[in-house]
Amino acid sequence: MENYYADGNNEWLGILMQRYTLLLYGVCMKYLKHEEEARDAVQQIFLKAISELQKYPVTYFKSWLYMIARNYCLMQLRDKGKTPLPVTEKMIASEPDENNSMLHHQQRDATFSALNEALEELNEDQQQCIILFYLQKKSYHEIASLTGYSPMQVKSHIQNGKRNLKIIMEKKMKENKV
């Protein structure tokens, strides 16, 4: 972010956006549940982020981008009439204060960063199958037809990738606590 604010070159934003595309797509899939809508949402979120970044400086980019994505998706759901659970007085009363909220976002950022790094540490077969299955919600047979693997190979890559992700994440979390 410092580079972008220093010279205003949009190339820096392109690099940042590329880094967080997978994260945004995952967030959009979580809320919108449809690939096309999620892809469109990611594009719209990028456009909104670019225009907002020109208005004011952002300190915690990943948290900020996550909130933009979440709010965008919730607005899409509300516009379609698929509102998420209504906010109740009890929920409002139990919302964390600003300091706890910032800590929560920082912890979430650390987890997303560790997950993203862990995903990159998987071998290419496992990484591809994990992304297609969990983030793009493809079935074993769809993944098999896209990748050329047999359905049993797909299942194996997903199971091994999931196990390896867990091991890598536990290792990263342990390193961060020490």
Foldseek 3Di string as FASTA:
>chain_A
DVVCVVPVDCVVVVVVLVLCVLVQLQLLCVQVVANVRSVVLSVVLSVVVVVVCVVDPDDPVVLVSSVSSNVSSQVVCVVVVNHDDDQDPVNVVPDDDPVVVVVVSVVVVLLVVQLSVLLVVQPPLLSQLCCCCNSVVDDLVRSCVVPVNDSVVSVVSPVVSVVSSVVSSVVSVVVVVD
